[in-house]
Structures are given as structure tokens and as C-alpha cells.
Amino acid sequence: MGRLMLFVALCVLPALVSAGRLISRPFVLQGRVYCDTCRAGFETSATTYIAGAKVRVECKDRNSMQLLYSIEGTTDSTGTYKIMVTEDHEDQLCDAVLVSSPQSDCASVDPGRERAAVILTRYNGMVSDNRYANSMGFLKDHPMSGCTQLLQEYQEFED
């Protein structure tokens, strides 16, 4: 009987405690949304940041890829979003995903820059509650003037 109680105390109780995924200190996921004004496929000195863009955090089961968690946020005047995530997503694949842009001339998603993988667990050695996602972007319908010269400047530095 004593061994059974020890087994319950060491194995079952910790599992029950960690089963509740709500966490007392939420994660703050932060990133930026930009308008690729030169259609370069990356941020340049001519890049502008989009206020009012919608971003969603999605977490999926690692095996079935079933969506298990989703929450949306909106960028501020600097194109920065901060989304509070109140659950630990230890074994899930989580991404920040572009939803929409309020700028009609910069509303096409930049392929390859429409999502950013994020880690939303405390079981990986990270101590901070802050998590940062790579910038995500939309493409301007037409490159603005001066982009050819700007992109040539970037090529001058290539080896």
C-alpha cells in the first residue's frame, strides 16, 4: 500500500497538476507587420510598417496537425502586435500568421513571409515571458519609385 501511495505521489499528481494548461504568467508574443514597398521579398530601408493589420496565433497538434488554439491580435501605430497567450503549448507547433491588411494597395501576402514559427512553452529553458516572432509582410501592388536604385545598393554589398 505504501508503494502505491508513493507511485501516486510521484507520477500521477504531477501529471494532474500539469494537465491544466492555463498559466499564471501569460506569454507576450510580439512581432511586426510590414508593407514591402519595393516588392523585394524582405525588409528594406523603404519598408513601411502597417497599423491595423490583423495577425493570428495558431497552435496545432504535432502529429495530426489539428488546430488546437487560435487567438487574434491587431498591430498598433508602429506595425507592432503584442498578443497575450495564457496557455502553455509544450508539444504543439505554433505560428504567428498574417490575416489581413487595412491597406488596399498593400494587401497581398508575401509568399514565405506570411507566417513565423513561435515557441510557446516554458519547458525549453527560456525564462522570459516575452516571445518574439520574425516580421511578416504584405506586398505593395506596384513598387514605389526609387526601388530600382535601392535594390542596386543592396547588390553592391554582395560577395
Protein backbone atom coordinates (compact mmCIF):
# COMPACT_ATOMS: atom_id res chain seq x y z
CA MET A 1 0.00 0.00 0.00
CA GLY A 2 2.88 2.37 0.80
CA ARG A 3 4.44 1.79 -2.63
CA LEU A 4 1.15 2.54 -4.33
CA MET A 5 0.83 5.83 -2.46
CA LEU A 6 4.42 6.72 -3.36
CA PHE A 7 3.70 5.90 -7.02
CA VAL A 8 0.61 8.13 -6.98
CA ALA A 9 2.52 10.95 -5.29
CA LEU A 10 5.46 10.81 -7.71
CA CYS A 11 3.75 10.06 -11.00
CA VAL A 12 0.06 10.79 -11.04
CA LEU A 13 -0.14 14.01 -9.04
CA PRO A 14 2.45 15.91 -11.16
CA ALA A 15 0.61 14.78 -14.29
CA LEU A 16 -2.69 16.10 -12.93
CA VAL A 17 -1.12 19.41 -11.94
CA SER A 18 0.44 19.96 -15.37
CA ALA A 19 -2.75 18.89 -17.17
CA GLY A 20 -4.29 22.29 -16.55
CA ARG A 21 -2.66 24.34 -19.31
CA LEU A 22 -3.62 27.79 -18.06
CA ILE A 23 -0.56 29.56 -16.76
CA SER A 24 -0.31 32.28 -14.16
CA ARG A 25 2.15 34.39 -16.17
CA PRO A 26 0.99 34.64 -19.78
CA PHE A 27 3.37 34.77 -22.69
CA VAL A 28 3.54 38.04 -24.61
CA LEU A 29 4.12 37.31 -28.29
CA GLN A 30 5.47 40.31 -30.17
CA GLY A 31 6.24 40.92 -33.83
CA ARG A 32 5.83 43.41 -36.64
CA VAL A 33 3.90 43.54 -39.91
CA TYR A 34 5.35 45.43 -42.84
CA CYS A 35 4.47 46.57 -46.34
CA ASP A 36 7.18 45.57 -48.82
CA THR A 37 7.06 48.78 -50.85
CA CYS A 38 9.76 47.58 -53.27
CA ARG A 39 8.46 44.02 -53.61
CA ALA A 40 11.95 42.83 -52.64
CA GLY A 41 10.83 39.89 -50.52
CA PHE A 42 12.50 41.28 -47.41
CA GLU A 43 12.58 44.43 -45.28
CA THR A 44 14.49 47.37 -46.77
CA SER A 45 15.05 50.98 -45.75
CA ALA A 46 11.94 51.84 -47.80
CA THR A 47 9.75 49.36 -45.90
CA THR A 48 6.78 50.79 -44.04
CA TYR A 49 5.01 49.17 -41.11
CA ILE A 50 1.26 48.60 -41.15
CA ALA A 51 -1.03 49.85 -38.40
CA GLY A 52 -4.27 47.90 -38.01
CA ALA A 53 -3.07 44.67 -39.62
CA LYS A 54 -4.63 41.51 -38.22
CA VAL A 55 -2.44 38.64 -37.01
CA ARG A 56 -3.46 35.26 -35.63
CA VAL A 57 -1.56 32.83 -33.40
CA GLU A 58 -2.31 29.21 -34.29
CA CYS A 59 -1.14 26.11 -32.43
CA LYS A 60 -1.57 22.68 -33.96
CA ASP A 61 -1.13 19.14 -32.74
CA ARG A 62 2.33 17.97 -33.77
CA ASN A 63 1.04 14.65 -35.16
CA SER A 64 -2.45 15.26 -36.55
CA MET A 65 -1.92 18.98 -37.42
CA GLN A 66 -5.38 19.64 -35.96
CA LEU A 67 -5.85 23.24 -34.86
CA LEU A 68 -5.98 23.30 -31.05
CA TYR A 69 -5.59 27.00 -30.22
CA SER A 70 -6.17 30.27 -32.03
CA ILE A 71 -6.19 33.92 -30.96
CA GLU A 72 -6.08 37.14 -33.00
CA GLY A 73 -4.45 40.48 -32.44
CA THR A 74 -4.01 43.80 -34.24
CA THR A 75 -0.93 45.91 -34.87
CA ASP A 76 -0.51 49.32 -33.28
CA SER A 77 0.59 52.56 -34.98
CA THR A 78 4.16 51.22 -35.33
CA GLY A 79 3.05 47.98 -37.00
CA THR A 80 3.81 46.02 -33.83
CA TYR A 81 1.45 43.42 -32.36
CA LYS A 82 1.52 42.06 -28.83
CA ILE A 83 -0.69 39.06 -28.22
CA MET A 84 -1.20 37.57 -24.75
CA VAL A 85 -1.14 33.76 -24.76
CA THR A 86 -2.42 32.32 -21.49
CA GLU A 87 -1.74 28.64 -22.17
CA ASP A 88 1.46 26.60 -22.43
CA HIS A 89 1.72 24.82 -25.79
CA GLU A 90 4.55 22.43 -24.95
CA ASP A 91 4.12 19.78 -27.64
CA GLN A 92 2.34 21.88 -30.23
CA LEU A 93 3.54 23.62 -33.38
CA CYS A 94 2.69 27.31 -33.08
CA ASP A 95 2.85 30.04 -35.72
CA ALA A 96 2.01 33.70 -35.97
CA VAL A 97 0.05 34.08 -39.22
CA LEU A 98 -0.97 37.12 -41.27
CA VAL A 99 -4.73 37.54 -41.55
CA SER A 100 -5.37 40.87 -43.27
CA SER A 101 -4.00 44.30 -44.08
CA PRO A 102 -6.06 47.50 -43.87
CA GLN A 103 -4.10 48.96 -46.81
CA SER A 104 -5.85 48.04 -50.04
CA ASP A 105 -2.71 48.69 -52.13
CA CYS A 106 -0.60 46.50 -49.84
CA ALA A 107 -2.82 43.51 -49.08
CA SER A 108 -1.15 40.64 -50.99
CA VAL A 109 0.68 38.26 -48.67
CA ASP A 110 4.42 38.00 -49.33
CA PRO A 111 4.99 34.27 -50.03
CA GLY A 112 7.35 32.84 -47.44
CA ARG A 113 6.85 35.81 -45.12
CA GLU A 114 3.20 35.13 -44.23
CA ARG A 115 3.92 33.12 -41.06
CA ALA A 116 6.53 32.87 -38.33
CA ALA A 117 7.15 29.90 -36.05
CA VAL A 118 6.99 30.72 -32.34
CA ILE A 119 7.80 28.72 -29.20
CA LEU A 120 5.10 29.00 -26.55
CA THR A 121 6.30 26.80 -23.71
CA ARG A 122 8.33 27.18 -20.56
CA TYR A 123 9.71 23.63 -20.84
CA ASN A 124 12.65 24.60 -23.04
CA GLY A 125 14.93 26.64 -20.79
CA MET A 126 13.65 30.09 -21.75
CA VAL A 127 13.00 32.14 -18.64
CA SER A 128 11.37 35.24 -20.13
CA ASP A 129 7.62 35.57 -20.66
CA ASN A 130 8.32 37.53 -23.86
CA ARG A 131 8.40 35.71 -27.17
CA TYR A 132 9.39 37.32 -30.47
CA ALA A 133 8.25 36.37 -33.95
CA ASN A 134 10.03 37.27 -37.18
CA SER A 135 8.48 40.16 -39.10
CA MET A 136 5.79 39.20 -41.58
CA GLY A 137 4.88 41.13 -44.69
CA PHE A 138 2.46 42.12 -47.39
CA LEU A 139 3.48 43.18 -50.90
CA LYS A 140 2.67 46.59 -52.38
CA ASP A 141 0.69 46.24 -55.63
CA HIS A 142 3.34 48.21 -57.55
CA PRO A 143 6.89 49.03 -56.44
CA MET A 144 7.31 52.66 -55.49
CA SER A 145 9.69 54.90 -57.39
CA GLY A 146 13.31 54.69 -56.29
CA CYS A 147 13.19 50.96 -55.60
CA THR A 148 15.45 50.03 -58.51
CA GLN A 149 18.20 52.24 -57.15
CA LEU A 150 17.66 51.00 -53.59
CA LEU A 151 17.87 47.34 -54.61
CA GLN A 152 21.04 48.05 -56.63
CA GLU A 153 22.60 49.44 -53.44
CA TYR A 154 21.89 46.13 -51.71
CA GLN A 155 23.59 44.24 -54.57
CA GLU A 156 26.78 46.32 -54.23
CA PHE A 157 27.45 44.69 -50.88
CA GLU A 158 27.10 41.09 -52.06
CA ASP A 159 30.25 38.99 -52.40
